[in-house]
Amino acid sequence: MSITGMNLSLMLNSVGFYQISKLSMIPVVCLMEWILHNKNYSREVKLSVVVVVIGVGLFILLSCSLAVFCNVSQYLCIGRFSAVSFQVLGHMKTVCVLTLGWLLFDSELTFKNIMGMVIAVIGMIIYSWAMEVEKQSNNKITPHAKNSLTEEEIKLFKEGVENTHVKDVELGESKG
């Protein structure tokens, strides 16, 4: 029954989650044996269980921190870029994951993987070039609007306001 349960868990979950679950069961089993059967453990066994608990806790903390970082970075990207640019960044992430997997974990890169990454990078370069061309053509078409007035323009504006005669609409009289 135990082997069937482990195989079912391995079939439904990732290997990392399966391993962490197995490690998490060690302190639970020790605690249950202590409560139910009054089993006492040596200091060395207790110390090794504490090391396992700390390791599992650090793994979970690191995993959660990376997930939060990933979600925050995606949120910031969505707010800054268009939907197409966000998808292009997603493909770049895939290329980085495959490359880091090959560098750090010696995972196999097949010819199909390498060609896919090369084509994806070429597509990203072409997309970046097309966006730059579009941005430059938009800058040439629309003139830059001034954000502030010069001192002379402010002076002319003030003189115009001071010299303007205001007509009282209700009485039909000019004021000023």
Protein backbone atom coordinates (compact mmCIF):
# COMPACT_ATOMS: atom_id res chain seq x y z
CA MET A 1 0.00 0.00 0.00
CA SER A 2 2.83 2.39 0.84
CA ILE A 3 4.56 1.86 -2.50
CA THR A 4 1.29 2.35 -4.38
CA GLY A 5 0.67 5.63 -2.56
CA MET A 6 4.20 6.86 -3.28
CA ASN A 7 3.94 5.93 -6.97
CA LEU A 8 0.54 7.66 -7.22
CA SER A 9 2.00 10.77 -5.57
CA LEU A 10 4.97 10.71 -7.94
CA MET A 11 2.64 10.35 -10.91
CA LEU A 12 0.50 13.36 -9.89
CA ASN A 13 3.23 15.66 -8.51
CA SER A 14 6.65 16.93 -9.55
CA VAL A 15 9.74 15.07 -8.35
CA GLY A 16 10.77 18.04 -6.18
CA PHE A 17 7.39 18.17 -4.41
CA TYR A 18 7.48 14.38 -3.97
CA GLN A 19 10.94 14.51 -2.36
CA ILE A 20 10.01 17.39 -0.05
CA SER A 21 6.85 15.53 0.98
CA LYS A 22 8.87 12.42 1.80
CA LEU A 23 11.34 14.45 3.87
CA SER A 24 8.50 16.24 5.64
CA MET A 25 7.08 12.91 6.77
CA ILE A 26 10.16 12.04 8.85
CA PRO A 27 9.44 14.47 11.72
CA VAL A 28 5.71 13.63 11.54
CA VAL A 29 6.40 9.89 11.92
CA CYS A 30 8.85 10.53 14.78
CA LEU A 31 6.28 12.69 16.56
CA MET A 32 3.52 10.12 16.05
CA GLU A 33 5.73 7.29 17.40
CA TRP A 34 6.63 9.41 20.41
CA ILE A 35 2.96 10.25 21.15
CA LEU A 36 1.39 6.87 20.34
CA HIS A 37 4.13 4.43 21.39
CA ASN A 38 6.24 6.45 23.84
CA LYS A 39 9.29 5.86 21.67
CA ASN A 40 12.34 7.88 22.67
CA TYR A 41 15.00 8.92 20.18
CA SER A 42 18.68 9.59 20.74
CA ARG A 43 20.10 13.06 20.66
CA GLU A 44 21.75 12.36 17.29
CA VAL A 45 18.45 11.26 15.72
CA LYS A 46 16.68 14.34 17.09
CA LEU A 47 19.46 16.56 15.73
CA SER A 48 19.25 14.93 12.29
CA VAL A 49 15.45 15.42 12.24
CA VAL A 50 15.96 19.09 13.14
CA VAL A 51 18.39 19.42 10.22
CA VAL A 52 15.78 17.84 7.91
CA VAL A 53 13.09 20.24 9.18
CA ILE A 54 15.37 23.25 8.68
CA GLY A 55 16.30 22.07 5.18
CA VAL A 56 12.66 21.56 4.19
CA GLY A 57 11.73 24.93 5.70
CA LEU A 58 14.51 26.72 3.81
CA PHE A 59 13.51 25.01 0.56
CA ILE A 60 9.90 26.05 1.01
CA LEU A 61 10.90 29.61 1.95
CA LEU A 62 13.21 29.88 -1.06
CA SER A 63 10.58 28.42 -3.36
CA CYS A 64 7.91 30.83 -2.10
CA SER A 65 10.29 33.79 -2.37
CA LEU A 66 11.13 32.92 -5.96
CA ALA A 67 7.44 32.52 -6.79
CA VAL A 68 6.64 35.93 -5.29
CA PHE A 69 9.57 37.51 -7.17
CA CYS A 70 8.39 35.90 -10.41
CA ASN A 71 4.81 37.15 -9.91
CA VAL A 72 5.91 40.69 -9.01
CA SER A 73 8.23 40.86 -12.02
CA GLN A 74 5.42 39.65 -14.30
CA TYR A 75 3.08 42.28 -12.82
CA LEU A 76 5.65 45.01 -13.45
CA CYS A 77 6.25 43.78 -17.01
CA ILE A 78 2.53 43.67 -17.82
CA GLY A 79 2.15 47.26 -16.62
CA ARG A 80 5.11 48.48 -18.66
CA PHE A 81 4.94 46.50 -21.89
CA SER A 82 2.30 45.51 -24.40
CA ALA A 83 0.83 42.01 -24.48
CA VAL A 84 3.04 41.02 -27.43
CA SER A 85 6.18 42.32 -25.70
CA PHE A 86 5.22 40.37 -22.59
CA GLN A 87 4.93 37.17 -24.66
CA VAL A 88 8.33 37.85 -26.23
CA LEU A 89 9.80 38.20 -22.73
CA GLY A 90 8.14 34.91 -21.80
CA HIS A 91 9.94 33.18 -24.66
CA MET A 92 13.21 34.72 -23.53
CA LYS A 93 12.56 33.27 -20.07
CA THR A 94 12.12 29.82 -21.64
CA VAL A 95 15.43 30.18 -23.49
CA CYS A 96 17.13 31.20 -20.22
CA VAL A 97 15.62 28.24 -18.32
CA LEU A 98 16.80 25.77 -20.96
CA THR A 99 20.27 27.32 -21.06
CA LEU A 100 20.65 27.42 -17.27
CA GLY A 101 19.39 23.84 -17.03
CA TRP A 102 22.10 22.81 -19.46
CA LEU A 103 24.81 24.83 -17.67
CA LEU A 104 23.92 24.07 -14.06
CA PHE A 105 22.29 20.64 -14.16
CA ASP A 106 23.85 19.11 -17.28
CA SER A 107 20.44 18.58 -18.85
CA GLU A 108 20.49 17.39 -22.43
CA LEU A 109 20.05 19.91 -25.21
CA THR A 110 18.86 18.27 -28.39
CA PHE A 111 19.28 19.70 -31.87
CA LYS A 112 15.56 20.51 -31.86
CA ASN A 113 15.92 22.47 -28.58
CA ILE A 114 18.91 24.41 -29.86
CA MET A 115 17.22 25.26 -33.18
CA GLY A 116 14.08 26.35 -31.33
CA MET A 117 16.12 28.64 -29.08
CA VAL A 118 18.02 30.11 -32.03
CA ILE A 119 14.81 30.79 -33.97
CA ALA A 120 13.21 32.30 -30.84
CA VAL A 121 16.18 34.64 -30.26
CA ILE A 122 16.17 35.67 -33.95
CA GLY A 123 12.44 36.39 -33.68
CA MET A 124 13.04 38.49 -30.56
CA ILE A 125 15.75 40.48 -32.34
CA ILE A 126 13.48 41.10 -35.34
CA TYR A 127 10.63 42.12 -33.02
CA SER A 128 12.90 44.56 -31.14
CA TRP A 129 14.13 46.03 -34.44
CA ALA A 130 10.54 46.42 -35.73
CA MET A 131 9.46 48.15 -32.52
CA GLU A 132 12.39 50.59 -32.75
CA VAL A 133 11.57 51.39 -36.38
CA GLU A 134 7.93 52.00 -35.43
CA LYS A 135 8.95 54.19 -32.50
CA GLN A 136 11.28 56.29 -34.65
CA SER A 137 8.67 56.75 -37.38
CA ASN A 138 6.10 57.85 -34.77
CA ASN A 139 8.58 60.42 -33.42
CA LYS A 140 9.06 61.90 -36.92
CA ILE A 141 5.32 62.16 -37.59
CA THR A 142 4.24 63.79 -34.35
CA PRO A 143 6.14 66.94 -33.43
CA HIS A 144 7.26 67.22 -29.87
CA ALA A 145 4.90 69.41 -27.85
CA LYS A 146 6.43 71.91 -25.49
CA ASN A 147 5.93 71.16 -21.82
CA SER A 148 6.55 74.69 -20.57
CA LEU A 149 6.12 78.27 -21.70
CA THR A 150 8.99 80.69 -22.19
CA GLU A 151 9.19 83.89 -20.15
CA GLU A 152 8.15 85.93 -23.17
CA GLU A 153 5.07 83.77 -23.74
CA ILE A 154 4.08 84.13 -20.07
CA LYS A 155 4.50 87.93 -20.29
CA LEU A 156 2.34 88.12 -23.45
CA PHE A 157 -0.29 85.93 -21.84
CA LYS A 158 -0.46 88.14 -18.73
CA GLU A 159 -0.71 91.31 -20.84
CA GLY A 160 -3.49 89.75 -22.89
CA VAL A 161 -5.48 88.85 -19.77
CA GLU A 162 -4.99 92.31 -18.24
CA ASN A 163 -6.04 94.12 -21.42
CA THR A 164 -9.07 91.99 -22.09
CA HIS A 165 -12.37 93.67 -21.32
CA VAL A 166 -14.83 91.40 -19.57
CA LYS A 167 -18.50 91.83 -20.40
CA ASP A 168 -21.07 91.12 -17.70
CA VAL A 169 -23.50 88.83 -19.42
CA GLU A 170 -26.41 89.53 -17.07
CA LEU A 171 -26.16 93.34 -17.12
CA GLY A 172 -24.70 93.69 -20.62
CA GLU A 173 -22.03 96.10 -19.34
CA SER A 174 -18.32 96.03 -19.98
CA LYS A 175 -15.99 95.82 -17.00
CA GLY A 176 -12.32 96.43 -16.92
